[in-house]
Amino acid sequence: MPASNPSPRSRYALSLWFLGIGLLGLIQFFGKAHREGGPTAVAWIWLAGSLLLLVLALLLAWREHRRGPNA
């Protein structure tokens, strides 16, 4: 039975999910930072979490890219 080639959308699903959540977190950071007149501690936590998710998304995408389409 030959292995099927999964679509790129299914191969990168988790990294795309984390990328979207990270981008939404960046929007939340900028919204909180400009609403209060300056970034508060909560806004900085949003930024840190968003950057962490973006890095995780890039690492997952890089790992999947290295695996190749047939892995």
N, C-alpha and C. Protein backbone atom coordinates (compact mmCIF):
# COMPACT_ATOMS: atom_id res chain seq x y z
N MET A 1 0.84 -1.17 0.00
CA MET A 1 0.00 0.00 0.00
C MET A 1 0.89 1.24 0.00
N PRO A 2 0.83 2.07 -1.04
CA PRO A 2 1.70 3.24 -1.11
C PRO A 2 1.25 4.31 -0.10
N ALA A 3 2.23 5.04 0.40
CA ALA A 3 1.93 6.13 1.34
C ALA A 3 1.33 7.31 0.58
N SER A 4 0.30 7.88 1.15
CA SER A 4 -0.32 9.03 0.50
C SER A 4 0.45 10.30 0.86
N ASN A 5 0.46 11.25 -0.04
CA ASN A 5 1.12 12.52 0.20
C ASN A 5 0.12 13.48 0.87
N PRO A 6 0.35 13.81 2.13
CA PRO A 6 -0.57 14.74 2.79
C PRO A 6 -0.41 16.14 2.20
N SER A 7 -1.47 16.89 2.23
CA SER A 7 -1.42 18.25 1.70
C SER A 7 -0.56 19.12 2.62
N PRO A 8 0.02 20.19 2.06
CA PRO A 8 0.83 21.09 2.91
C PRO A 8 0.02 21.69 4.06
N ARG A 9 -1.25 21.91 3.83
CA ARG A 9 -2.08 22.48 4.90
C ARG A 9 -2.18 21.52 6.08
N SER A 10 -2.30 20.23 5.81
CA SER A 10 -2.37 19.28 6.92
C SER A 10 -1.00 19.02 7.53
N ARG A 11 0.06 19.10 6.74
CA ARG A 11 1.41 18.90 7.27
C ARG A 11 1.82 20.03 8.20
N TYR A 12 1.42 21.25 7.88
CA TYR A 12 1.82 22.41 8.66
C TYR A 12 0.68 22.93 9.55
N ALA A 13 -0.30 22.11 9.86
CA ALA A 13 -1.50 22.56 10.57
C ALA A 13 -1.15 23.13 11.95
N LEU A 14 -0.36 22.44 12.72
CA LEU A 14 -0.05 22.91 14.07
C LEU A 14 0.77 24.20 14.04
N SER A 15 1.73 24.27 13.13
CA SER A 15 2.53 25.50 13.06
C SER A 15 1.68 26.67 12.57
N LEU A 16 0.75 26.43 11.66
CA LEU A 16 -0.14 27.51 11.22
C LEU A 16 -1.06 27.95 12.35
N TRP A 17 -1.51 27.00 13.15
CA TRP A 17 -2.36 27.32 14.30
C TRP A 17 -1.61 28.21 15.29
N PHE A 18 -0.38 27.81 15.64
CA PHE A 18 0.43 28.61 16.56
C PHE A 18 0.78 29.97 15.97
N LEU A 19 1.00 30.02 14.67
CA LEU A 19 1.28 31.30 14.02
C LEU A 19 0.08 32.24 14.15
N GLY A 20 -1.11 31.73 13.91
CA GLY A 20 -2.31 32.56 14.03
C GLY A 20 -2.53 33.05 15.44
N ILE A 21 -2.34 32.18 16.42
CA ILE A 21 -2.53 32.58 17.82
C ILE A 21 -1.46 33.61 18.22
N GLY A 22 -0.24 33.42 17.73
CA GLY A 22 0.83 34.38 18.03
C GLY A 22 0.54 35.75 17.43
N LEU A 23 0.02 35.78 16.21
CA LEU A 23 -0.31 37.06 15.59
C LEU A 23 -1.46 37.75 16.33
N LEU A 24 -2.45 36.97 16.76
CA LEU A 24 -3.53 37.55 17.55
C LEU A 24 -3.01 38.10 18.88
N GLY A 25 -2.05 37.44 19.46
CA GLY A 25 -1.44 37.93 20.69
C GLY A 25 -0.68 39.23 20.48
N LEU A 26 -0.02 39.36 19.33
CA LEU A 26 0.67 40.62 19.03
C LEU A 26 -0.33 41.76 18.88
N ILE A 27 -1.45 41.48 18.25
CA ILE A 27 -2.49 42.50 18.12
C ILE A 27 -3.01 42.88 19.51
N GLN A 28 -3.18 41.89 20.37
CA GLN A 28 -3.63 42.15 21.75
C GLN A 28 -2.61 43.01 22.49
N PHE A 29 -1.32 42.72 22.31
CA PHE A 29 -0.28 43.51 22.95
C PHE A 29 -0.36 44.97 22.52
N PHE A 30 -0.42 45.20 21.21
CA PHE A 30 -0.46 46.58 20.74
C PHE A 30 -1.73 47.29 21.16
N GLY A 31 -2.83 46.56 21.22
CA GLY A 31 -4.07 47.17 21.69
C GLY A 31 -3.98 47.58 23.15
N LYS A 32 -3.44 46.70 24.00
CA LYS A 32 -3.30 47.02 25.42
C LYS A 32 -2.26 48.11 25.64
N ALA A 33 -1.21 48.12 24.86
CA ALA A 33 -0.14 49.10 25.04
C ALA A 33 -0.63 50.51 24.67
N HIS A 34 -1.43 50.64 23.63
CA HIS A 34 -1.87 51.97 23.21
C HIS A 34 -3.11 52.43 23.96
N ARG A 35 -3.87 51.51 24.50
CA ARG A 35 -5.07 51.90 25.26
C ARG A 35 -4.68 52.53 26.59
N GLU A 36 -3.65 52.03 27.22
CA GLU A 36 -3.25 52.50 28.54
C GLU A 36 -2.27 53.67 28.46
N GLY A 37 -1.86 54.06 27.28
CA GLY A 37 -0.88 55.12 27.14
C GLY A 37 0.55 54.61 27.15
N GLY A 38 0.74 53.39 27.46
CA GLY A 38 2.05 52.75 27.48
C GLY A 38 1.88 51.30 27.86
N PRO A 39 2.83 50.46 27.54
CA PRO A 39 2.70 49.04 27.86
C PRO A 39 2.68 48.79 29.37
N THR A 40 1.72 48.02 29.81
CA THR A 40 1.64 47.61 31.21
C THR A 40 2.28 46.22 31.34
N ALA A 41 2.31 45.72 32.56
CA ALA A 41 2.88 44.39 32.79
C ALA A 41 2.09 43.32 32.04
N VAL A 42 0.78 43.47 32.00
CA VAL A 42 -0.05 42.48 31.29
C VAL A 42 0.25 42.52 29.79
N ALA A 43 0.45 43.72 29.27
CA ALA A 43 0.79 43.83 27.84
C ALA A 43 2.12 43.15 27.54
N TRP A 44 3.09 43.31 28.44
CA TRP A 44 4.38 42.66 28.21
C TRP A 44 4.27 41.14 28.27
N ILE A 45 3.38 40.63 29.11
CA ILE A 45 3.15 39.18 29.16
C ILE A 45 2.54 38.71 27.85
N TRP A 46 1.61 39.49 27.30
CA TRP A 46 1.04 39.14 25.99
C TRP A 46 2.14 39.11 24.92
N LEU A 47 3.04 40.07 24.96
CA LEU A 47 4.12 40.10 23.98
C LEU A 47 5.03 38.89 24.12
N ALA A 48 5.40 38.56 25.35
CA ALA A 48 6.29 37.42 25.57
C ALA A 48 5.64 36.12 25.11
N GLY A 49 4.38 35.92 25.45
CA GLY A 49 3.69 34.71 25.03
C GLY A 49 3.52 34.63 23.52
N SER A 50 3.26 35.77 22.90
CA SER A 50 3.09 35.80 21.45
C SER A 50 4.40 35.47 20.75
N LEU A 51 5.49 36.05 21.23
CA LEU A 51 6.78 35.76 20.61
C LEU A 51 7.17 34.30 20.81
N LEU A 52 6.86 33.75 21.96
CA LEU A 52 7.13 32.34 22.21
C LEU A 52 6.36 31.45 21.23
N LEU A 53 5.08 31.77 21.02
CA LEU A 53 4.29 30.98 20.07
C LEU A 53 4.79 31.14 18.64
N LEU A 54 5.23 32.33 18.27
CA LEU A 54 5.75 32.53 16.92
C LEU A 54 7.03 31.73 16.69
N VAL A 55 7.91 31.72 17.69
CA VAL A 55 9.14 30.93 17.58
C VAL A 55 8.81 29.44 17.50
N LEU A 56 7.86 29.00 18.31
CA LEU A 56 7.45 27.60 18.27
C LEU A 56 6.86 27.23 16.91
N ALA A 57 6.05 28.12 16.35
CA ALA A 57 5.48 27.88 15.02
C ALA A 57 6.56 27.75 13.97
N LEU A 58 7.56 28.63 14.03
CA LEU A 58 8.66 28.56 13.06
C LEU A 58 9.47 27.27 13.22
N LEU A 59 9.71 26.86 14.47
CA LEU A 59 10.45 25.62 14.69
C LEU A 59 9.68 24.40 14.19
N LEU A 60 8.39 24.37 14.42
CA LEU A 60 7.58 23.25 13.94
C LEU A 60 7.53 23.22 12.41
N ALA A 61 7.40 24.38 11.79
CA ALA A 61 7.39 24.44 10.33
C ALA A 61 8.74 24.01 9.75
N TRP A 62 9.83 24.44 10.39
CA TRP A 62 11.16 24.06 9.92
C TRP A 62 11.36 22.56 10.05
N ARG A 63 10.90 21.98 11.17
CA ARG A 63 11.03 20.54 11.36
C ARG A 63 10.23 19.77 10.30
N GLU A 64 9.04 20.23 10.02
CA GLU A 64 8.21 19.56 9.01
C GLU A 64 8.80 19.73 7.61
N HIS A 65 9.39 20.89 7.36
CA HIS A 65 10.02 21.11 6.05
C HIS A 65 11.22 20.19 5.86
N ARG A 66 11.99 19.97 6.93
CA ARG A 66 13.14 19.07 6.85
C ARG A 66 12.72 17.63 6.65
N ARG A 67 11.59 17.25 7.19
CA ARG A 67 11.10 15.88 7.04
C ARG A 67 10.80 15.52 5.61
N GLY A 68 10.28 16.47 4.88
CA GLY A 68 9.91 16.21 3.50
C GLY A 68 8.46 15.80 3.37
N PRO A 69 7.94 15.76 2.15
CA PRO A 69 6.52 15.49 1.94
C PRO A 69 6.12 14.03 2.18
N ASN A 70 7.05 13.10 2.18
CA ASN A 70 6.68 11.69 2.27
C ASN A 70 6.91 11.08 3.66
N ALA A 71 7.30 11.90 4.62
CA ALA A 71 7.58 11.35 5.96
C ALA A 71 6.33 11.13 6.77
